[in-house]
Each structure stands twice: as C-alpha cells, then as structure tokens.
Amino acid sequence: MDFKSLKPYVRQALEQRVKAPAELPIRWLVAYQIAIITEGEAIMHLDDVSHKMSKGSVAFIPPNVAHRYTVTSDHSKLIVVFDTN
C-alpha cells in the first residue's frame, strides 16, 4: 500500500524490526497509532496491563497513553501514526 496517498491523514508509516531479546522504552504519543505485528512476538505493556502480541495482532494506541514493548522473539511490525490536526 502506498501510504503517501493517505496524507494528510497519516503522519508516518514505517516498518520496525527488532531483534530479541529487547526492551523498547516507555513512550507517550501525541497522535493515534496502529501497530500491526507482521512476524515474531512481543508483549505490549499499555497502562500497566500486558498484552501478548504475535503475527496478525493489531494494537490501537490513543494519544497520551504510556506504552512499551518487551520483544520475546525477533519481530517486525508496521506502524501507522495518524495526524490529529
């Protein structure tokens, strides 16, 4: 899919690959984000609740919510950040 055609609605779209084991730091977003796991596994910690994510899992993360990831096997995900203006 050509994410450039989705502008001005999408601020950023990228694929992120992370080798396990890894701890991705706590983040607070200023926009809505969708994360789709395309391979591997991770645990998403969202507002002190843990969710196991594997291939095909989709996370919708609203603005101003603290979240982080623990990568349990080499994983990649597609991240789409929406413009909130």
PDB file of N, CA and C in Angstrom:
ATOM      1  N   MET A   1       0.841  -1.183   0.000  1.00  0.00           N
ATOM      2  CA  MET A   1       0.000   0.000   0.000  1.00  0.00           C
ATOM      3  C   MET A   1       0.883   1.243   0.000  1.00  0.00           C
ATOM      4  N   ASP A   2       0.502   2.225  -0.770  1.00  0.00           N
ATOM      5  CA  ASP A   2       1.244   3.485  -0.831  1.00  0.00           C
ATOM      6  C   ASP A   2       0.697   4.433   0.225  1.00  0.00           C
ATOM      7  N   PHE A   3       1.419   4.537   1.349  1.00  0.00           N
ATOM      8  CA  PHE A   3       0.934   5.353   2.456  1.00  0.00           C
ATOM      9  C   PHE A   3       0.995   6.839   2.153  1.00  0.00           C
ATOM     10  N   LYS A   4       1.808   7.235   1.191  1.00  0.00           N
ATOM     11  CA  LYS A   4       1.864   8.653   0.820  1.00  0.00           C
ATOM     12  C   LYS A   4       0.515   9.127   0.299  1.00  0.00           C
ATOM     13  N   SER A   5      -0.256   8.224  -0.296  1.00  0.00           N
ATOM     14  CA  SER A   5      -1.565   8.599  -0.820  1.00  0.00           C
ATOM     15  C   SER A   5      -2.574   8.863   0.296  1.00  0.00           C
ATOM     16  N   LEU A   6      -2.252   8.481   1.522  1.00  0.00           N
ATOM     17  CA  LEU A   6      -3.170   8.683   2.639  1.00  0.00           C
ATOM     18  C   LEU A   6      -3.002  10.046   3.304  1.00  0.00           C
ATOM     19  N   LYS A   7      -1.976  10.792   2.922  1.00  0.00           N
ATOM     20  CA  LYS A   7      -1.795  12.120   3.505  1.00  0.00           C
ATOM     21  C   LYS A   7      -2.968  12.982   3.119  1.00  0.00           C
ATOM     22  N   PRO A   8      -3.438  13.884   3.910  1.00  0.00           N
ATOM     23  CA  PRO A   8      -2.855  14.393   5.149  1.00  0.00           C
ATOM     24  C   PRO A   8      -3.275  13.623   6.396  1.00  0.00           C
ATOM     25  N   TYR A   9      -3.899  12.470   6.239  1.00  0.00           N
ATOM     26  CA  TYR A   9      -4.416  11.748   7.402  1.00  0.00           C
ATOM     27  C   TYR A   9      -3.344  10.971   8.153  1.00  0.00           C
ATOM     28  N   VAL A  10      -2.299  10.554   7.452  1.00  0.00           N
ATOM     29  CA  VAL A  10      -1.244   9.755   8.069  1.00  0.00           C
ATOM     30  C   VAL A  10       0.013  10.606   8.212  1.00  0.00           C
ATOM     31  N   ARG A  11       0.511  10.700   9.433  1.00  0.00           N
ATOM     32  CA  ARG A  11       1.736  11.461   9.694  1.00  0.00           C
ATOM     33  C   ARG A  11       2.973  10.638   9.343  1.00  0.00           C
ATOM     34  N   GLN A  12       2.919   9.330   9.675  1.00  0.00           N
ATOM     35  CA  GLN A  12       4.082   8.486   9.471  1.00  0.00           C
ATOM     36  C   GLN A  12       3.636   7.038   9.311  1.00  0.00           C
ATOM     37  N   ALA A  13       4.303   6.306   8.432  1.00  0.00           N
ATOM     38  CA  ALA A  13       4.076   4.866   8.291  1.00  0.00           C
ATOM     39  C   ALA A  13       5.437   4.238   8.073  1.00  0.00           C
ATOM     40  N   LEU A  14       5.751   3.228   8.868  1.00  0.00           N
ATOM     41  CA  LEU A  14       7.054   2.592   8.748  1.00  0.00           C
ATOM     42  C   LEU A  14       6.990   1.166   9.248  1.00  0.00           C
ATOM     43  N   GLU A  15       7.989   0.394   8.844  1.00  0.00           N
ATOM     44  CA  GLU A  15       8.132  -0.963   9.362  1.00  0.00           C
ATOM     45  C   GLU A  15       9.309  -0.957  10.318  1.00  0.00           C
ATOM     46  N   GLN A  16       9.098  -1.479  11.508  1.00  0.00           N
ATOM     47  CA  GLN A  16      10.143  -1.523  12.529  1.00  0.00           C
ATOM     48  C   GLN A  16      10.504  -2.980  12.786  1.00  0.00           C
ATOM     49  N   ARG A  17      11.791  -3.288  12.723  1.00  0.00           N
ATOM     50  CA  ARG A  17      12.290  -4.635  13.012  1.00  0.00           C
ATOM     51  C   ARG A  17      13.148  -4.568  14.260  1.00  0.00           C
ATOM     52  N   VAL A  18      12.938  -5.534  15.170  1.00  0.00           N
ATOM     53  CA  VAL A  18      13.680  -5.563  16.434  1.00  0.00           C
ATOM     54  C   VAL A  18      14.123  -6.994  16.700  1.00  0.00           C
ATOM     55  N   LYS A  19      15.388  -7.168  17.037  1.00  0.00           N
ATOM     56  CA  LYS A  19      15.912  -8.493  17.399  1.00  0.00           C
ATOM     57  C   LYS A  19      15.681  -8.744  18.880  1.00  0.00           C
ATOM     58  N   ALA A  20      15.322  -9.970  19.212  1.00  0.00           N
ATOM     59  CA  ALA A  20      15.086 -10.357  20.607  1.00  0.00           C
ATOM     60  C   ALA A  20      16.400 -10.783  21.240  1.00  0.00           C
ATOM     61  N   PRO A  21      16.519 -10.708  22.525  1.00  0.00           N
ATOM     62  CA  PRO A  21      15.594 -10.062  23.458  1.00  0.00           C
ATOM     63  C   PRO A  21      15.814  -8.558  23.446  1.00  0.00           C
ATOM     64  N   ALA A  22      14.743  -7.807  23.634  1.00  0.00           N
ATOM     65  CA  ALA A  22      14.851  -6.349  23.644  1.00  0.00           C
ATOM     66  C   ALA A  22      13.743  -5.756  24.502  1.00  0.00           C
ATOM     67  N   GLU A  23      14.060  -4.639  25.099  1.00  0.00           N
ATOM     68  CA  GLU A  23      13.077  -3.849  25.841  1.00  0.00           C
ATOM     69  C   GLU A  23      13.009  -2.492  25.168  1.00  0.00           C
ATOM     70  N   LEU A  24      11.889  -2.177  24.561  1.00  0.00           N
ATOM     71  CA  LEU A  24      11.724  -0.858  23.968  1.00  0.00           C
ATOM     72  C   LEU A  24      11.189   0.084  25.048  1.00  0.00           C
ATOM     73  N   PRO A  25      11.722   1.288  25.141  1.00  0.00           N
ATOM     74  CA  PRO A  25      11.396   2.177  26.264  1.00  0.00           C
ATOM     75  C   PRO A  25       9.956   2.677  26.253  1.00  0.00           C
ATOM     76  N   ILE A  26       9.550   3.223  27.384  1.00  0.00           N
ATOM     77  CA  ILE A  26       8.213   3.805  27.523  1.00  0.00           C
ATOM     78  C   ILE A  26       8.093   5.000  26.590  1.00  0.00           C
ATOM     79  N   ARG A  27       6.942   5.077  25.917  1.00  0.00           N
ATOM     80  CA  ARG A  27       6.651   6.186  25.008  1.00  0.00           C
ATOM     81  C   ARG A  27       5.274   6.747  25.305  1.00  0.00           C
ATOM     82  N   TRP A  28       5.122   8.029  25.039  1.00  0.00           N
ATOM     83  CA  TRP A  28       3.819   8.689  25.066  1.00  0.00           C
ATOM     84  C   TRP A  28       3.645   9.346  23.714  1.00  0.00           C
ATOM     85  N   LEU A  29       2.593   9.007  23.023  1.00  0.00           N
ATOM     86  CA  LEU A  29       2.358   9.555  21.689  1.00  0.00           C
ATOM     87  C   LEU A  29       1.462  10.783  21.763  1.00  0.00           C
ATOM     88  N   VAL A  30       1.616  11.663  20.793  1.00  0.00           N
ATOM     89  CA  VAL A  30       0.734  12.821  20.713  1.00  0.00           C
ATOM     90  C   VAL A  30      -0.292  12.636  19.599  1.00  0.00           C
ATOM     91  N   ALA A  31      -0.308  11.440  19.014  1.00  0.00           N
ATOM     92  CA  ALA A  31      -1.250  11.138  17.936  1.00  0.00           C
ATOM     93  C   ALA A  31      -1.725   9.701  18.093  1.00  0.00           C
ATOM     94  N   TYR A  32      -2.785   9.346  17.371  1.00  0.00           N
ATOM     95  CA  TYR A  32      -3.258   7.964  17.357  1.00  0.00           C
ATOM     96  C   TYR A  32      -2.282   7.103  16.568  1.00  0.00           C
ATOM     97  N   GLN A  33      -2.107   5.861  17.010  1.00  0.00           N
ATOM     98  CA  GLN A  33      -1.203   4.943  16.316  1.00  0.00           C
ATOM     99  C   GLN A  33      -1.834   3.565  16.220  1.00  0.00           C
ATOM    100  N   ILE A  34      -1.598   2.906  15.100  1.00  0.00           N
ATOM    101  CA  ILE A  34      -1.955   1.492  14.930  1.00  0.00           C
ATOM    102  C   ILE A  34      -0.654   0.740  14.702  1.00  0.00           C
ATOM    103  N   ALA A  35      -0.462  -0.349  15.436  1.00  0.00           N
ATOM    104  CA  ALA A  35       0.708  -1.215  15.261  1.00  0.00           C
ATOM    105  C   ALA A  35       0.211  -2.602  14.880  1.00  0.00           C
ATOM    106  N   ILE A  36       0.732  -3.146  13.795  1.00  0.00           N
ATOM    107  CA  ILE A  36       0.344  -4.468  13.302  1.00  0.00           C
ATOM    108  C   ILE A  36       1.591  -5.344  13.316  1.00  0.00           C
ATOM    109  N   ILE A  37       1.557  -6.436  14.070  1.00  0.00           N
ATOM    110  CA  ILE A  37       2.693  -7.353  14.140  1.00  0.00           C
ATOM    111  C   ILE A  37       2.695  -8.194  12.869  1.00  0.00           C
ATOM    112  N   THR A  38       3.789  -8.132  12.119  1.00  0.00           N
ATOM    113  CA  THR A  38       3.870  -8.882  10.859  1.00  0.00           C
ATOM    114  C   THR A  38       4.669 -10.169  10.995  1.00  0.00           C
ATOM    115  N   GLU A  39       5.514 -10.264  12.039  1.00  0.00           N
ATOM    116  CA  GLU A  39       6.193 -11.530  12.351  1.00  0.00           C
ATOM    117  C   GLU A  39       6.771 -11.435  13.755  1.00  0.00           C
ATOM    118  N   GLY A  40       6.963 -12.594  14.371  1.00  0.00           N
ATOM    119  CA  GLY A  40       7.535 -12.649  15.709  1.00  0.00           C
ATOM    120  C   GLY A  40       6.511 -12.419  16.798  1.00  0.00           C
ATOM    121  N   GLU A  41       7.023 -12.178  18.007  1.00  0.00           N
ATOM    122  CA  GLU A  41       6.156 -11.976  19.172  1.00  0.00           C
ATOM    123  C   GLU A  41       6.713 -10.873  20.053  1.00  0.00           C
ATOM    124  N   ALA A  42       5.806 -10.233  20.767  1.00  0.00           N
ATOM    125  CA  ALA A  42       6.191  -9.200  21.724  1.00  0.00           C
ATOM    126  C   ALA A  42       5.101  -9.109  22.785  1.00  0.00           C
ATOM    127  N   ILE A  43       5.436  -8.473  23.876  1.00  0.00           N
ATOM    128  CA  ILE A  43       4.456  -8.181  24.911  1.00  0.00           C
ATOM    129  C   ILE A  43       4.343  -6.668  24.980  1.00  0.00           C
ATOM    130  N   MET A  44       3.148  -6.149  24.776  1.00  0.00           N
ATOM    131  CA  MET A  44       2.928  -4.716  24.862  1.00  0.00           C
ATOM    132  C   MET A  44       2.402  -4.401  26.252  1.00  0.00           C
ATOM    133  N   HIS A  45       3.037  -3.463  26.898  1.00  0.00           N
ATOM    134  CA  HIS A  45       2.612  -3.007  28.223  1.00  0.00           C
ATOM    135  C   HIS A  45       1.939  -1.660  28.013  1.00  0.00           C
ATOM    136  N   LEU A  46       0.635  -1.629  28.218  1.00  0.00           N
ATOM    137  CA  LEU A  46      -0.171  -0.448  27.946  1.00  0.00           C
ATOM    138  C   LEU A  46      -0.939  -0.098  29.213  1.00  0.00           C
ATOM    139  N   ASP A  47      -0.622   1.055  29.790  1.00  0.00           N
ATOM    140  CA  ASP A  47      -1.262   1.464  31.049  1.00  0.00           C
ATOM    141  C   ASP A  47      -1.181   0.371  32.110  1.00  0.00           C
ATOM    142  N   ASP A  48      -0.009  -0.196  32.299  1.00  0.00           N
ATOM    143  CA  ASP A  48       0.242  -1.229  33.316  1.00  0.00           C
ATOM    144  C   ASP A  48      -0.516  -2.532  33.087  1.00  0.00           C
ATOM    145  N   VAL A  49      -1.029  -2.750  31.888  1.00  0.00           N
ATOM    146  CA  VAL A  49      -1.665  -4.017  31.520  1.00  0.00           C
ATOM    147  C   VAL A  49      -0.830  -4.618  30.393  1.00  0.00           C
ATOM    148  N   SER A  50      -0.507  -5.896  30.472  1.00  0.00           N
ATOM    149  CA  SER A  50       0.327  -6.561  29.471  1.00  0.00           C
ATOM    150  C   SER A  50      -0.529  -7.347  28.490  1.00  0.00           C
ATOM    151  N   HIS A  51      -0.187  -7.238  27.216  1.00  0.00           N
ATOM    152  CA  HIS A  51      -0.899  -7.937  26.149  1.00  0.00           C
ATOM    153  C   HIS A  51       0.122  -8.682  25.302  1.00  0.00           C
ATOM    154  N   LYS A  52      -0.042 -10.002  25.159  1.00  0.00           N
ATOM    155  CA  LYS A  52       0.834 -10.771  24.282  1.00  0.00           C
ATOM    156  C   LYS A  52       0.406 -10.523  22.846  1.00  0.00           C
ATOM    157  N   MET A  53       1.382 -10.200  22.003  1.00  0.00           N
ATOM    158  CA  MET A  53       1.098  -9.919  20.605  1.00  0.00           C
ATOM    159  C   MET A  53       1.941 -10.839  19.733  1.00  0.00           C
ATOM    160  N   SER A  54       1.321 -11.407  18.717  1.00  0.00           N
ATOM    161  CA  SER A  54       2.028 -12.257  17.766  1.00  0.00           C
ATOM    162  C   SER A  54       1.561 -11.890  16.368  1.00  0.00           C
ATOM    163  N   LYS A  55       2.090 -12.588  15.361  1.00  0.00           N
ATOM    164  CA  LYS A  55       1.767 -12.271  13.977  1.00  0.00           C
ATOM    165  C   LYS A  55       0.262 -12.105  13.778  1.00  0.00           C
ATOM    166  N   GLY A  56      -0.119 -10.977  13.204  1.00  0.00           N
ATOM    167  CA  GLY A  56      -1.528 -10.696  12.960  1.00  0.00           C
ATOM    168  C   GLY A  56      -2.189  -9.848  14.031  1.00  0.00           C
ATOM    169  N   SER A  57      -1.537  -9.669  15.171  1.00  0.00           N
ATOM    170  CA  SER A  57      -2.108  -8.838  16.233  1.00  0.00           C
ATOM    171  C   SER A  57      -2.094  -7.374  15.818  1.00  0.00           C
ATOM    172  N   VAL A  58      -3.141  -6.665  16.210  1.00  0.00           N
ATOM    173  CA  VAL A  58      -3.266  -5.240  15.912  1.00  0.00           C
ATOM    174  C   VAL A  58      -3.487  -4.497  17.218  1.00  0.00           C
ATOM    175  N   ALA A  59      -2.721  -3.432  17.425  1.00  0.00           N
ATOM    176  CA  ALA A  59      -2.896  -2.595  18.616  1.00  0.00           C
ATOM    177  C   ALA A  59      -3.287  -1.200  18.175  1.00  0.00           C
ATOM    178  N   PHE A  60      -4.329  -0.670  18.789  1.00  0.00           N
ATOM    179  CA  PHE A  60      -4.733   0.713  18.571  1.00  0.00           C
ATOM    180  C   PHE A  60      -4.335   1.481  19.824  1.00  0.00           C
ATOM    181  N   ILE A  61      -3.460   2.461  19.672  1.00  0.00           N
ATOM    182  CA  ILE A  61      -2.930   3.183  20.817  1.00  0.00           C
ATOM    183  C   ILE A  61      -3.355   4.648  20.716  1.00  0.00           C
ATOM    184  N   PRO A  62      -4.188   5.108  21.649  1.00  0.00           N
ATOM    185  CA  PRO A  62      -4.620   6.506  21.618  1.00  0.00           C
ATOM    186  C   PRO A  62      -3.527   7.438  22.139  1.00  0.00           C
ATOM    187  N   PRO A  63      -3.667   8.742  21.914  1.00  0.00           N
ATOM    188  CA  PRO A  63      -2.667   9.690  22.390  1.00  0.00           C
ATOM    189  C   PRO A  63      -2.565   9.707  23.915  1.00  0.00           C
ATOM    190  N   ASN A  64      -1.389  10.090  24.395  1.00  0.00           N
ATOM    191  CA  ASN A  64      -1.129  10.314  25.818  1.00  0.00           C
ATOM    192  C   ASN A  64      -1.327   9.081  26.690  1.00  0.00           C
ATOM    193  N   VAL A  65      -1.042   7.912  26.139  1.00  0.00           N
ATOM    194  CA  VAL A  65      -1.098   6.664  26.893  1.00  0.00           C
ATOM    195  C   VAL A  65       0.317   6.081  26.919  1.00  0.00           C
ATOM    196  N   ALA A  66       0.847   5.841  28.109  1.00  0.00           N
ATOM    197  CA  ALA A  66       2.187   5.270  28.234  1.00  0.00           C
ATOM    198  C   ALA A  66       2.167   3.820  27.762  1.00  0.00           C
ATOM    199  N   HIS A  67       3.132   3.456  26.915  1.00  0.00           N
ATOM    200  CA  HIS A  67       3.229   2.073  26.467  1.00  0.00           C
ATOM    201  C   HIS A  67       4.680   1.745  26.168  1.00  0.00           C
ATOM    202  N   ARG A  68       4.999   0.456  26.245  1.00  0.00           N
ATOM    203  CA  ARG A  68       6.338  -0.033  25.928  1.00  0.00           C
ATOM    204  C   ARG A  68       6.202  -1.476  25.460  1.00  0.00           C
ATOM    205  N   TYR A  69       7.290  -2.017  24.895  1.00  0.00           N
ATOM    206  CA  TYR A  69       7.285  -3.381  24.374  1.00  0.00           C
ATOM    207  C   TYR A  69       8.429  -4.187  24.963  1.00  0.00           C
ATOM    208  N   THR A  70       8.162  -5.465  25.224  1.00  0.00           N
ATOM    209  CA  THR A  70       9.191  -6.454  25.511  1.00  0.00           C
ATOM    210  C   THR A  70       9.167  -7.415  24.331  1.00  0.00           C
ATOM    211  N   VAL A  71      10.265  -7.476  23.589  1.00  0.00           N
ATOM    212  CA  VAL A  71      10.329  -8.315  22.395  1.00  0.00           C
ATOM    213  C   VAL A  71      10.822  -9.698  22.818  1.00  0.00           C
ATOM    214  N   THR A  72       9.993 -10.732  22.595  1.00  0.00           N
ATOM    215  CA  THR A  72      10.306 -12.080  23.043  1.00  0.00           C
ATOM    216  C   THR A  72      10.875 -12.958  21.933  1.00  0.00           C
ATOM    217  N   SER A  73      10.633 -12.599  20.667  1.00  0.00           N
ATOM    218  CA  SER A  73      11.286 -13.262  19.539  1.00  0.00           C
ATOM    219  C   SER A  73      11.453 -12.197  18.460  1.00  0.00           C
ATOM    220  N   ASP A  74      12.468 -12.385  17.590  1.00  0.00           N
ATOM    221  CA  ASP A  74      12.695 -11.377  16.552  1.00  0.00           C
ATOM    222  C   ASP A  74      11.354 -10.989  15.961  1.00  0.00           C
ATOM    223  N   HIS A  75      11.120  -9.699  15.881  1.00  0.00           N
ATOM    224  CA  HIS A  75       9.785  -9.294  15.480  1.00  0.00           C
ATOM    225  C   HIS A  75       9.845  -8.078  14.565  1.00  0.00           C
ATOM    226  N   SER A  76       8.816  -7.939  13.763  1.00  0.00           N
ATOM    227  CA  SER A  76       8.668  -6.735  12.963  1.00  0.00           C
ATOM    228  C   SER A  76       7.207  -6.317  13.028  1.00  0.00           C
ATOM    229  N   LYS A  77       7.020  -5.024  12.915  1.00  0.00           N
ATOM    230  CA  LYS A  77       5.656  -4.501  12.966  1.00  0.00           C
ATOM    231  C   LYS A  77       5.538  -3.315  12.029  1.00  0.00           C
ATOM    232  N   LEU A  78       4.356  -3.133  11.519  1.00  0.00           N
ATOM    233  CA  LEU A  78       4.014  -1.983  10.706  1.00  0.00           C
ATOM    234  C   LEU A  78       3.371  -0.966  11.629  1.00  0.00           C
ATOM    235  N   ILE A  79       3.890   0.248  11.616  1.00  0.00           N
ATOM    236  CA  ILE A  79       3.368   1.304  12.493  1.00  0.00           C
ATOM    237  C   ILE A  79       2.781   2.396  11.614  1.00  0.00           C
ATOM    238  N   VAL A  80       1.551   2.797  11.904  1.00  0.00           N
ATOM    239  CA  VAL A  80       0.899   3.891  11.209  1.00  0.00           C
ATOM    240  C   VAL A  80       0.496   4.917  12.250  1.00  0.00           C
ATOM    241  N   VAL A  81       1.017   6.138  12.119  1.00  0.00           N
ATOM    242  CA  VAL A  81       0.712   7.221  13.048  1.00  0.00           C
ATOM    243  C   VAL A  81      -0.177   8.212  12.317  1.00  0.00           C
ATOM    244  N   PHE A  82      -1.305   8.521  12.906  1.00  0.00           N
ATOM    245  CA  PHE A  82      -2.283   9.407  12.262  1.00  0.00           C
ATOM    246  C   PHE A  82      -2.087  10.846  12.693  1.00  0.00           C
ATOM    247  N   ASP A  83      -2.325  11.766  11.786  1.00  0.00           N
ATOM    248  CA  ASP A  83      -2.233  13.180  12.091  1.00  0.00           C
ATOM    249  C   ASP A  83      -3.502  13.589  12.825  1.00  0.00           C
ATOM    250  N   THR A  84      -3.349  14.289  13.943  1.00  0.00           N
ATOM    251  CA  THR A  84      -4.517  14.660  14.741  1.00  0.00           C
ATOM    252  C   THR A  84      -4.883  16.120  14.589  1.00  0.00           C
ATOM    253  N   ASN A  85      -4.253  16.828  13.672  1.00  0.00           N
ATOM    254  CA  ASN A  85      -4.597  18.252  13.464  1.00  0.00           C
ATOM    255  C   ASN A  85      -5.945  18.374  12.784  1.00  0.00           C
TER     256      ASN A  85
END
